[in-house]
Amino acid sequence: MGSESSLWKTVSKHMKGRWEADRIENSAALGTPDVYYTLREPYMNVMGWLELKYVHEWPVRACTPMKIPHFTPQQRLFIQRHFPYGCNVKLLLQVARDYILLEGDKALLIDTLTKQGLFDAGYHWQGKIDYDTFSFILQP
């Protein structure tokens, strides 16, 4: 039904003309985010990293924190190392038909946040992403 690959296809399709982006597969530097992008005008000189995550469903209980087993220690370390120095790194999480875009520091809290906590920590869309807003938020 869904996957990080289909999330990438959807985002890249809707962002066409708004950015130049490359899907990164890097076995030499484990933890490198999935996408490196440069936004087009009017956001000149805006570059960043985007980690993509897909989870099929929310935890059953509203009080249960969201766990993403495939959010690896190396991916977390990339964010921990680069975000404090001004690196524009974000995480886009799709759970069922919900999309949440988190700044790097908030992404590191995923295992401690519930569904509502994630909604409160980032930018949330249900059903589909508003790509005008998404483009704006990708700026640092």
C-alpha atoms as a PDB file:
ATOM      1  CA  MET A   1       0.000   0.000   0.000  1.00  0.00           C
ATOM      2  CA  GLY A   2       2.627   2.534   1.016  1.00  0.00           C
ATOM      3  CA  SER A   3       6.366   2.761   1.452  1.00  0.00           C
ATOM      4  CA  GLU A   4       9.196   5.251   1.646  1.00  0.00           C
ATOM      5  CA  SER A   5       9.685   4.671  -2.063  1.00  0.00           C
ATOM      6  CA  SER A   6       6.083   5.616  -2.886  1.00  0.00           C
ATOM      7  CA  LEU A   7       6.347   8.603  -0.502  1.00  0.00           C
ATOM      8  CA  TRP A   8       9.414   9.754  -2.459  1.00  0.00           C
ATOM      9  CA  LYS A   9       7.627   9.318  -5.787  1.00  0.00           C
ATOM     10  CA  THR A  10       4.650  11.356  -4.598  1.00  0.00           C
ATOM     11  CA  VAL A  11       6.705  14.162  -3.079  1.00  0.00           C
ATOM     12  CA  SER A  12       9.094  14.403  -6.025  1.00  0.00           C
ATOM     13  CA  LYS A  13       6.187  14.489  -8.489  1.00  0.00           C
ATOM     14  CA  HIS A  14       4.431  17.341  -6.660  1.00  0.00           C
ATOM     15  CA  MET A  15       7.645  19.272  -6.005  1.00  0.00           C
ATOM     16  CA  LYS A  16       8.725  19.170  -9.658  1.00  0.00           C
ATOM     17  CA  GLY A  17       9.596  22.694 -10.733  1.00  0.00           C
ATOM     18  CA  ARG A  18       9.892  23.843  -7.115  1.00  0.00           C
ATOM     19  CA  TRP A  19      13.158  22.078  -6.330  1.00  0.00           C
ATOM     20  CA  GLU A  20      16.049  20.086  -7.643  1.00  0.00           C
ATOM     21  CA  ALA A  21      16.335  16.966  -5.547  1.00  0.00           C
ATOM     22  CA  ASP A  22      18.368  13.796  -5.543  1.00  0.00           C
ATOM     23  CA  ARG A  23      17.544  10.555  -3.801  1.00  0.00           C
ATOM     24  CA  ILE A  24      20.687   9.543  -1.928  1.00  0.00           C
ATOM     25  CA  GLU A  25      21.728   5.928  -1.506  1.00  0.00           C
ATOM     26  CA  ASN A  26      24.984   6.096   0.423  1.00  0.00           C
ATOM     27  CA  SER A  27      26.557   2.916   1.747  1.00  0.00           C
ATOM     28  CA  ALA A  28      29.821   4.737   2.500  1.00  0.00           C
ATOM     29  CA  ALA A  29      28.270   7.193   4.977  1.00  0.00           C
ATOM     30  CA  LEU A  30      25.484   5.345   6.749  1.00  0.00           C
ATOM     31  CA  GLY A  31      22.806   7.647   8.101  1.00  0.00           C
ATOM     32  CA  THR A  32      22.898  10.160   5.262  1.00  0.00           C
ATOM     33  CA  PRO A  33      19.301  11.390   4.751  1.00  0.00           C
ATOM     34  CA  ASP A  34      17.258  10.107   1.805  1.00  0.00           C
ATOM     35  CA  VAL A  35      16.992  13.335  -0.181  1.00  0.00           C
ATOM     36  CA  TYR A  36      19.274  16.280  -0.871  1.00  0.00           C
ATOM     37  CA  TYR A  37      17.414  19.279  -2.310  1.00  0.00           C
ATOM     38  CA  THR A  38      17.839  22.821  -3.541  1.00  0.00           C
ATOM     39  CA  LEU A  39      14.730  24.983  -3.659  1.00  0.00           C
ATOM     40  CA  ARG A  40      14.058  27.126  -6.707  1.00  0.00           C
ATOM     41  CA  GLU A  41      13.066  30.795  -6.714  1.00  0.00           C
ATOM     42  CA  PRO A  42      11.910  32.645  -4.705  1.00  0.00           C
ATOM     43  CA  TYR A  43      13.891  30.612  -2.154  1.00  0.00           C
ATOM     44  CA  MET A  44      17.312  31.119  -3.745  1.00  0.00           C
ATOM     45  CA  ASN A  45      20.247  29.362  -2.133  1.00  0.00           C
ATOM     46  CA  VAL A  46      18.138  27.132   0.102  1.00  0.00           C
ATOM     47  CA  MET A  47      19.565  23.642   0.356  1.00  0.00           C
ATOM     48  CA  GLY A  48      18.706  20.876   2.732  1.00  0.00           C
ATOM     49  CA  TRP A  49      18.359  17.249   3.645  1.00  0.00           C
ATOM     50  CA  LEU A  50      15.102  15.335   4.005  1.00  0.00           C
ATOM     51  CA  GLU A  51      14.757  11.979   5.728  1.00  0.00           C
ATOM     52  CA  LEU A  52      11.677  10.014   4.632  1.00  0.00           C
ATOM     53  CA  LYS A  53       9.883   7.567   6.906  1.00  0.00           C
ATOM     54  CA  TYR A  54       6.741   5.532   6.344  1.00  0.00           C
ATOM     55  CA  VAL A  55       4.800   3.572   8.957  1.00  0.00           C
ATOM     56  CA  HIS A  56       1.668   1.651   8.027  1.00  0.00           C
ATOM     57  CA  GLU A  57      -0.422   2.599  11.086  1.00  0.00           C
ATOM     58  CA  TRP A  58      -0.509   4.538  14.326  1.00  0.00           C
ATOM     59  CA  PRO A  59      -0.131   2.784  17.679  1.00  0.00           C
ATOM     60  CA  VAL A  60      -3.484   1.483  18.930  1.00  0.00           C
ATOM     61  CA  ARG A  61      -3.424   3.508  22.154  1.00  0.00           C
ATOM     62  CA  ALA A  62      -3.346   7.295  21.968  1.00  0.00           C
ATOM     63  CA  CYS A  63      -0.850   7.400  24.867  1.00  0.00           C
ATOM     64  CA  THR A  64       1.689   5.108  23.146  1.00  0.00           C
ATOM     65  CA  PRO A  65       4.737   6.865  21.682  1.00  0.00           C
ATOM     66  CA  MET A  66       5.404   6.383  17.968  1.00  0.00           C
ATOM     67  CA  LYS A  67       8.250   3.953  17.361  1.00  0.00           C
ATOM     68  CA  ILE A  68      10.027   3.798  14.023  1.00  0.00           C
ATOM     69  CA  PRO A  69      12.345   0.782  14.139  1.00  0.00           C
ATOM     70  CA  HIS A  70      13.899   1.684  10.785  1.00  0.00           C
ATOM     71  CA  PHE A  71      14.938   5.158  12.026  1.00  0.00           C
ATOM     72  CA  THR A  72      18.493   3.982  12.585  1.00  0.00           C
ATOM     73  CA  PRO A  73      21.070   5.147  15.122  1.00  0.00           C
ATOM     74  CA  GLN A  74      23.197   6.349  12.196  1.00  0.00           C
ATOM     75  CA  GLN A  75      20.318   8.487  10.856  1.00  0.00           C
ATOM     76  CA  ARG A  76      19.780   9.965  14.293  1.00  0.00           C
ATOM     77  CA  LEU A  77      23.508  10.647  14.615  1.00  0.00           C
ATOM     78  CA  PHE A  78      23.549  12.536  11.293  1.00  0.00           C
ATOM     79  CA  ILE A  79      20.838  14.841  12.635  1.00  0.00           C
ATOM     80  CA  GLN A  80      22.513  15.182  16.057  1.00  0.00           C
ATOM     81  CA  ARG A  81      25.836  16.094  14.448  1.00  0.00           C
ATOM     82  CA  HIS A  82      24.645  18.460  11.722  1.00  0.00           C
ATOM     83  CA  PHE A  83      21.445  20.186  12.921  1.00  0.00           C
ATOM     84  CA  PRO A  84      23.088  22.182  15.754  1.00  0.00           C
ATOM     85  CA  TYR A  85      25.493  23.719  13.223  1.00  0.00           C
ATOM     86  CA  GLY A  86      22.703  25.101  11.078  1.00  0.00           C
ATOM     87  CA  CYS A  87      22.273  22.202   8.668  1.00  0.00           C
ATOM     88  CA  ASN A  88      18.786  22.319   7.190  1.00  0.00           C
ATOM     89  CA  VAL A  89      17.677  18.749   7.915  1.00  0.00           C
ATOM     90  CA  LYS A  90      14.072  17.626   8.327  1.00  0.00           C
ATOM     91  CA  LEU A  91      12.104  14.398   8.577  1.00  0.00           C
ATOM     92  CA  LEU A  92       8.919  13.703   6.641  1.00  0.00           C
ATOM     93  CA  LEU A  93       6.891  10.971   8.290  1.00  0.00           C
ATOM     94  CA  GLN A  94       3.872   9.350   6.705  1.00  0.00           C
ATOM     95  CA  VAL A  95       1.646   7.261   8.958  1.00  0.00           C
ATOM     96  CA  ALA A  96      -1.411   5.897   7.158  1.00  0.00           C
ATOM     97  CA  ARG A  97      -2.860   9.063   5.521  1.00  0.00           C
ATOM     98  CA  ASP A  98      -1.164  11.526   7.869  1.00  0.00           C
ATOM     99  CA  TYR A  99       1.973  13.449   6.922  1.00  0.00           C
ATOM    100  CA  ILE A 100       4.162  15.175   9.491  1.00  0.00           C
ATOM    101  CA  LEU A 101       7.187  17.337   8.698  1.00  0.00           C
ATOM    102  CA  LEU A 102       9.575  17.715  11.622  1.00  0.00           C
ATOM    103  CA  GLU A 103      12.619  19.928  12.101  1.00  0.00           C
ATOM    104  CA  GLY A 104      15.769  17.957  12.899  1.00  0.00           C
ATOM    105  CA  ASP A 105      15.672  18.528  16.653  1.00  0.00           C
ATOM    106  CA  LYS A 106      12.026  17.411  16.850  1.00  0.00           C
ATOM    107  CA  ALA A 107      12.759  14.340  14.705  1.00  0.00           C
ATOM    108  CA  LEU A 108      15.085  13.106  17.432  1.00  0.00           C
ATOM    109  CA  LEU A 109      12.111  12.980  19.839  1.00  0.00           C
ATOM    110  CA  ILE A 110      10.027  10.584  17.727  1.00  0.00           C
ATOM    111  CA  ASP A 111      10.291   7.617  20.098  1.00  0.00           C
ATOM    112  CA  THR A 112       8.972   9.770  22.957  1.00  0.00           C
ATOM    113  CA  LEU A 113       6.056  11.439  21.157  1.00  0.00           C
ATOM    114  CA  THR A 114       2.503  10.204  20.772  1.00  0.00           C
ATOM    115  CA  LYS A 115       0.387  10.841  17.700  1.00  0.00           C
ATOM    116  CA  GLN A 116      -0.847  14.133  19.157  1.00  0.00           C
ATOM    117  CA  GLY A 117       2.669  14.992  20.288  1.00  0.00           C
ATOM    118  CA  LEU A 118       3.935  14.562  16.732  1.00  0.00           C
ATOM    119  CA  PHE A 119       1.102  16.704  15.369  1.00  0.00           C
ATOM    120  CA  ASP A 120       2.010  19.410  17.892  1.00  0.00           C
ATOM    121  CA  ALA A 121       5.777  19.162  17.223  1.00  0.00           C
ATOM    122  CA  GLY A 122       5.661  19.551  13.457  1.00  0.00           C
ATOM    123  CA  TYR A 123       3.555  20.457  10.476  1.00  0.00           C
ATOM    124  CA  HIS A 124       0.671  18.083   9.831  1.00  0.00           C
ATOM    125  CA  TRP A 125      -1.429  17.318   6.772  1.00  0.00           C
ATOM    126  CA  GLN A 126      -4.130  14.703   6.490  1.00  0.00           C
ATOM    127  CA  GLY A 127      -4.852  12.976   3.196  1.00  0.00           C
ATOM    128  CA  LYS A 128      -2.365  14.966   1.139  1.00  0.00           C
ATOM    129  CA  ILE A 129       0.399  17.494   1.574  1.00  0.00           C
ATOM    130  CA  ASP A 130      -0.137  21.171   0.755  1.00  0.00           C
ATOM    131  CA  TYR A 131       2.976  21.625  -1.368  1.00  0.00           C
ATOM    132  CA  ASP A 132       2.948  25.442  -1.239  1.00  0.00           C
ATOM    133  CA  THR A 133       3.234  25.215   2.547  1.00  0.00           C
ATOM    134  CA  PHE A 134       5.647  22.270   2.317  1.00  0.00           C
ATOM    135  CA  SER A 135       7.979  24.304   0.042  1.00  0.00           C
ATOM    136  CA  PHE A 136       7.894  27.230   2.435  1.00  0.00           C
ATOM    137  CA  ILE A 137       8.633  25.014   5.472  1.00  0.00           C
ATOM    138  CA  LEU A 138      11.618  23.364   3.769  1.00  0.00           C
ATOM    139  CA  GLN A 139      13.476  26.634   4.227  1.00  0.00           C
ATOM    140  CA  PRO A 140      15.729  26.854   7.276  1.00  0.00           C
END
